[in-house]
């Protein structure tokens, strides 16, 4: 989970990020994160990639049923002062899922807009795996649809397996914790992580039935299939925020 409270800002402000490897709908369990390999930022103006690792600090994150290491980052206003889009990219260390004896590495993107000025939100970032938005990820009404293209090594991935999860709890960044109260109750376990596939052109379309945060993940699409002698799933993740019409 790459989380910030708001992605559509009327004006530049300091950003408080939470970087948590978890199951968003259930609010846990949360997995221990090693220090990320990369955490970077690109703005619409200049397009220069800025290394943000100096702003990372480890925290103990409290989820619904455990506490473990996650990361916080306080990004100064000066780095997001320009109008337009600001793309944040997280490349974590692969995580060993001991139950499956395999590694997971989720390349994650989140896009913040300042002032409503359009920018480079649709541009791919040259990651080994990524989800390229075809709709603005920060300007979505509840009940609308969101479209994107799944990419691996810059090329569309047809029929990629997609999972969609909703952040089903409040996020208290200052306390490094999820709230204990569910927003909604899943009628059955399959509703916690929704599943679909990209089409023959690698395009995925999802609905946004509730305001809040939706995480879209394309699973095991990377060309690198092993890490330290074990299977590796390289996943692409994009976070999308939806707002109610009031």
Protein backbone atom coordinates (compact mmCIF):
# COMPACT_ATOMS: atom_id res chain seq x y z
CA UNK A 1 0.00 0.00 0.00
CA UNK A 2 1.35 3.41 -1.05
CA UNK A 3 -0.95 5.82 0.75
CA UNK A 4 -1.37 9.57 1.03
CA UNK A 5 -4.50 11.22 2.36
CA UNK A 6 -5.36 13.21 -0.76
CA UNK A 7 -4.24 13.02 -4.41
CA UNK A 8 -6.14 16.03 -5.83
CA UNK A 9 -4.66 19.05 -4.06
CA UNK A 10 -5.91 22.62 -4.61
CA UNK A 11 -2.40 23.88 -3.84
CA UNK A 12 1.00 22.46 -3.00
CA UNK A 13 1.49 21.10 0.49
CA UNK A 14 3.72 18.71 2.40
CA UNK A 15 2.81 15.07 1.75
CA UNK A 16 2.76 12.34 4.38
CA UNK A 17 3.13 8.87 2.87
CA UNK A 18 2.60 5.46 4.41
CA UNK A 19 4.30 2.49 2.71
CA UNK A 20 2.73 -0.69 4.06
CA UNK A 21 2.74 -4.24 2.69
CA UNK A 22 -0.66 -5.51 3.73
CA UNK A 23 -4.08 -6.84 2.76
CA UNK A 24 -6.02 -3.57 2.40
CA UNK A 25 -9.58 -4.86 2.61
CA UNK A 26 -9.02 -6.85 5.79
CA UNK A 27 -6.62 -4.32 7.29
CA UNK A 28 -4.05 -7.06 7.76
CA UNK A 29 -2.18 -9.15 8.37
CA UNK A 30 0.68 -6.81 7.52
CA UNK A 31 3.99 -8.19 6.25
CA UNK A 32 7.41 -6.92 7.33
CA UNK A 33 9.00 -4.57 4.80
CA UNK A 34 12.73 -4.25 4.23
CA UNK A 35 14.07 -0.86 3.18
CA UNK A 36 12.77 -0.18 -0.35
CA UNK A 37 15.17 -0.44 -3.26
CA UNK A 38 13.76 2.78 -4.72
CA UNK A 39 11.23 5.47 -3.89
CA UNK A 40 11.12 8.26 -6.45
CA UNK A 41 9.17 11.25 -7.74
CA UNK A 42 8.74 12.81 -11.19
CA UNK A 43 6.82 16.04 -11.80
CA UNK A 44 5.19 17.38 -14.95
CA UNK A 45 7.72 20.19 -15.08
CA UNK A 46 11.22 19.06 -15.99
CA UNK A 47 10.54 15.35 -15.66
CA UNK A 48 13.65 14.79 -13.56
CA UNK A 49 13.49 11.75 -11.31
CA UNK A 50 14.13 12.61 -7.67
CA UNK A 51 15.33 9.94 -5.24
CA UNK A 52 13.13 10.10 -2.13
CA UNK A 53 14.81 7.40 -0.04
CA UNK A 54 16.36 10.01 2.25
CA UNK A 55 12.84 10.81 3.49
CA UNK A 56 11.98 7.22 4.42
CA UNK A 57 11.91 6.12 8.04
CA UNK A 58 10.86 2.75 9.46
CA UNK A 59 7.82 2.57 11.74
CA UNK A 60 5.88 -0.14 13.53
CA UNK A 61 2.54 -0.36 11.76
CA UNK A 62 -0.49 -1.61 13.67
CA UNK A 63 -2.92 -3.62 11.54
CA UNK A 64 -6.05 -5.51 12.53
CA UNK A 65 -4.16 -8.46 13.98
CA UNK A 66 -0.43 -7.73 14.10
CA UNK A 67 2.26 -5.05 14.27
CA UNK A 68 5.30 -5.05 12.03
CA UNK A 69 7.78 -2.86 10.14
CA UNK A 70 6.49 -0.47 7.50
CA UNK A 71 7.75 2.93 6.29
CA UNK A 72 6.69 6.55 6.46
CA UNK A 73 7.90 9.44 4.31
CA UNK A 74 7.40 13.17 4.84
CA UNK A 75 7.85 14.85 1.45
CA UNK A 76 8.51 18.60 1.75
CA UNK A 77 6.27 21.08 -0.01
CA UNK A 78 9.20 22.32 -2.11
CA UNK A 79 9.26 19.06 -4.06
CA UNK A 80 5.58 19.27 -5.04
CA UNK A 81 5.22 23.03 -5.38
CA UNK A 82 4.70 23.00 -9.16
CA UNK A 83 1.21 22.75 -10.63
CA UNK A 84 0.27 19.56 -12.43
CA UNK A 85 1.00 15.89 -11.88
CA UNK A 86 3.52 14.30 -9.54
CA UNK A 87 4.21 10.59 -10.03
CA UNK A 88 5.49 8.58 -7.08
CA UNK A 89 7.02 5.14 -7.65
CA UNK A 90 7.91 2.50 -5.07
CA UNK A 91 10.20 -0.45 -5.81
CA UNK A 92 10.33 -2.66 -2.70
CA UNK A 93 12.70 -5.45 -1.86
CA UNK A 94 11.18 -8.81 -2.76
CA UNK A 95 9.25 -10.29 0.16
CA UNK A 96 9.53 -14.00 0.97
CA UNK A 97 6.09 -15.55 1.37
CA UNK A 98 7.09 -18.48 3.55
CA UNK A 99 3.83 -20.39 3.10
CA UNK A 100 4.46 -20.54 -0.65
CA UNK A 101 8.29 -20.50 -0.46
CA UNK A 102 8.27 -17.77 -3.11
CA UNK A 103 9.04 -14.06 -3.37
CA UNK A 104 6.66 -11.19 -4.17
CA UNK A 105 7.77 -7.79 -5.48
CA UNK A 106 5.12 -5.13 -6.12
CA UNK A 107 6.14 -2.12 -8.24
CA UNK A 108 3.71 0.53 -7.06
CA UNK A 109 2.60 3.91 -8.46
CA UNK A 110 0.54 6.75 -7.04
CA UNK A 111 -0.13 10.06 -8.79
CA UNK A 112 -0.80 13.37 -7.04
CA UNK A 113 -2.15 16.44 -8.85
CA UNK A 114 -1.71 20.03 -7.73
CA UNK A 115 -4.13 22.75 -8.79
CA UNK A 116 -6.12 20.74 -11.34
CA UNK A 117 -3.55 21.41 -14.08
CA UNK A 118 -3.22 18.35 -16.36
CA UNK A 119 0.18 16.77 -16.74
CA UNK A 120 2.00 13.50 -17.31
CA UNK A 121 -0.35 11.14 -15.46
CA UNK A 122 -0.68 8.82 -18.49
CA UNK A 123 3.04 8.46 -19.20
CA UNK A 124 4.66 5.08 -18.47
CA UNK A 125 7.67 5.19 -16.17
CA UNK A 126 9.83 2.50 -17.74
CA UNK A 127 9.39 0.01 -14.91
CA UNK A 128 9.82 -3.73 -15.41
CA UNK A 129 6.08 -4.01 -14.70
CA UNK A 130 3.54 -1.21 -14.35
CA UNK A 131 -0.05 -0.16 -14.83
CA UNK A 132 -0.36 2.80 -17.20
CA UNK A 133 -3.54 4.76 -16.47
CA UNK A 134 -5.92 5.65 -19.29
CA UNK A 135 -8.09 7.63 -16.85
CA UNK A 136 -6.85 10.19 -14.34
CA UNK A 137 -6.26 8.18 -11.16
CA UNK A 138 -6.89 11.21 -8.94
CA UNK A 139 -10.14 12.48 -10.57
CA UNK A 140 -12.79 9.79 -10.33
CA UNK A 141 -16.40 10.02 -9.20
CA UNK A 142 -17.90 7.19 -7.18
CA UNK A 143 -19.80 4.88 -9.53
CA UNK A 144 -17.58 5.62 -12.51
CA UNK A 145 -15.16 3.33 -14.30
CA UNK A 146 -11.38 3.41 -14.46
CA UNK A 147 -9.28 2.16 -17.39
CA UNK A 148 -5.60 1.30 -17.64
CA UNK A 149 -3.08 -0.73 -19.64
CA UNK A 150 -0.98 -3.45 -18.05
CA UNK A 151 2.67 -3.26 -19.17
CA UNK A 152 5.70 -5.52 -18.81
CA UNK A 153 8.99 -4.22 -20.20
CA UNK A 154 6.96 -1.46 -21.85
CA UNK A 155 4.65 -3.77 -23.79
CA UNK A 156 0.95 -4.52 -23.15
CA UNK A 157 0.22 -7.77 -21.33
CA UNK A 158 -2.89 -9.53 -22.69
CA UNK A 159 -5.05 -11.53 -20.30
CA UNK A 160 -3.06 -10.58 -17.21
CA UNK A 161 -4.61 -11.62 -13.90
CA UNK A 162 -5.86 -8.56 -12.02
CA UNK A 163 -6.82 -8.17 -8.36
CA UNK A 164 -8.65 -5.12 -7.00
CA UNK A 165 -8.80 -4.31 -3.29
CA UNK A 166 -10.48 -1.49 -1.41
CA UNK A 167 -8.93 0.11 1.68
CA UNK A 168 -11.70 -0.90 4.03
CA UNK A 169 -10.46 0.88 7.17
CA UNK A 170 -9.46 4.37 8.15
CA UNK A 171 -5.73 5.08 7.95
CA UNK A 172 -4.17 6.98 10.86
CA UNK A 173 -0.79 8.02 9.52
CA UNK A 174 0.24 9.82 12.71
CA UNK A 175 -0.41 6.69 14.80
CA UNK A 176 0.90 4.32 12.10
CA UNK A 177 -2.27 2.26 12.25
CA UNK A 178 -5.42 1.08 10.55
CA UNK A 179 -8.72 1.81 12.25
CA UNK A 180 -10.42 -1.22 13.77
CA UNK A 181 -13.86 -0.61 12.23
CA UNK A 182 -14.63 -2.04 8.77
CA UNK A 183 -16.29 0.38 6.34
CA UNK A 184 -18.17 -2.48 4.69
CA UNK A 185 -18.70 -6.18 5.40
CA UNK A 186 -17.87 -8.68 2.68
CA UNK A 187 -20.74 -11.14 2.20
CA UNK A 188 -18.22 -13.86 1.35
CA UNK A 189 -14.40 -14.17 1.17
CA UNK A 190 -14.19 -13.72 -2.61
CA UNK A 191 -15.46 -10.14 -2.25
CA UNK A 192 -12.34 -9.06 -0.33
CA UNK A 193 -10.09 -9.17 -3.39
CA UNK A 194 -12.00 -8.82 -6.66
CA UNK A 195 -10.60 -10.53 -9.75
CA UNK A 196 -10.64 -9.91 -13.48
CA UNK A 197 -8.29 -10.08 -16.48
CA UNK A 198 -6.91 -7.57 -18.92
CA UNK A 199 -8.23 -7.93 -22.47
CA UNK A 200 -6.33 -8.94 -25.62
CA UNK A 201 -4.75 -5.45 -25.78
CA UNK A 202 -3.73 -5.47 -22.12
CA UNK A 203 -6.50 -3.04 -21.12
CA UNK A 204 -8.33 -3.44 -17.84
CA UNK A 205 -11.56 -1.67 -16.87
CA UNK A 206 -12.88 -1.61 -13.32
CA UNK A 207 -15.81 0.00 -11.55
CA UNK A 208 -15.43 2.28 -8.53
CA UNK A 209 -18.59 1.62 -6.49
CA UNK A 210 -17.50 3.38 -3.30
CA UNK A 211 -15.53 6.51 -2.41
CA UNK A 212 -12.02 5.97 -1.11
CA UNK A 213 -8.95 4.10 -2.23
CA UNK A 214 -8.79 1.24 -4.72
CA UNK A 215 -5.62 -0.74 -5.37
CA UNK A 216 -5.25 -2.41 -8.76
CA UNK A 217 -2.64 -5.17 -9.04
CA UNK A 218 -1.51 -7.09 -12.13
CA UNK A 219 -0.04 -10.35 -10.84
CA UNK A 220 3.14 -12.17 -11.86
CA UNK A 221 3.70 -10.34 -15.16
CA UNK A 222 7.45 -9.67 -14.91
CA UNK A 223 10.11 -11.36 -17.01
CA UNK A 224 12.27 -12.00 -13.92
CA UNK A 225 10.89 -15.20 -12.44
CA UNK A 226 13.39 -16.13 -9.72
CA UNK A 227 15.09 -14.43 -6.76
CA UNK A 228 17.69 -16.10 -4.55
CA UNK A 229 16.87 -19.44 -6.13
CA UNK A 230 13.14 -19.23 -5.42
CA UNK A 231 10.13 -18.29 -7.60
CA UNK A 232 9.46 -14.54 -7.91
CA UNK A 233 6.15 -12.84 -8.73
CA UNK A 234 6.68 -9.31 -10.03
CA UNK A 235 3.38 -7.46 -9.69
CA UNK A 236 2.36 -4.00 -10.92
CA UNK A 237 0.19 -1.89 -8.59
CA UNK A 238 -1.62 1.41 -9.14
CA UNK A 239 -3.63 3.27 -6.50
CA UNK A 240 -6.80 5.11 -7.52
CA UNK A 241 -8.91 7.49 -5.42
CA UNK A 242 -12.67 7.96 -5.89
CA UNK A 243 -14.84 10.81 -4.56
CA UNK A 244 -18.57 11.09 -3.89
CA UNK A 245 -20.55 13.67 -5.85
CA UNK A 246 -22.01 16.12 -3.31
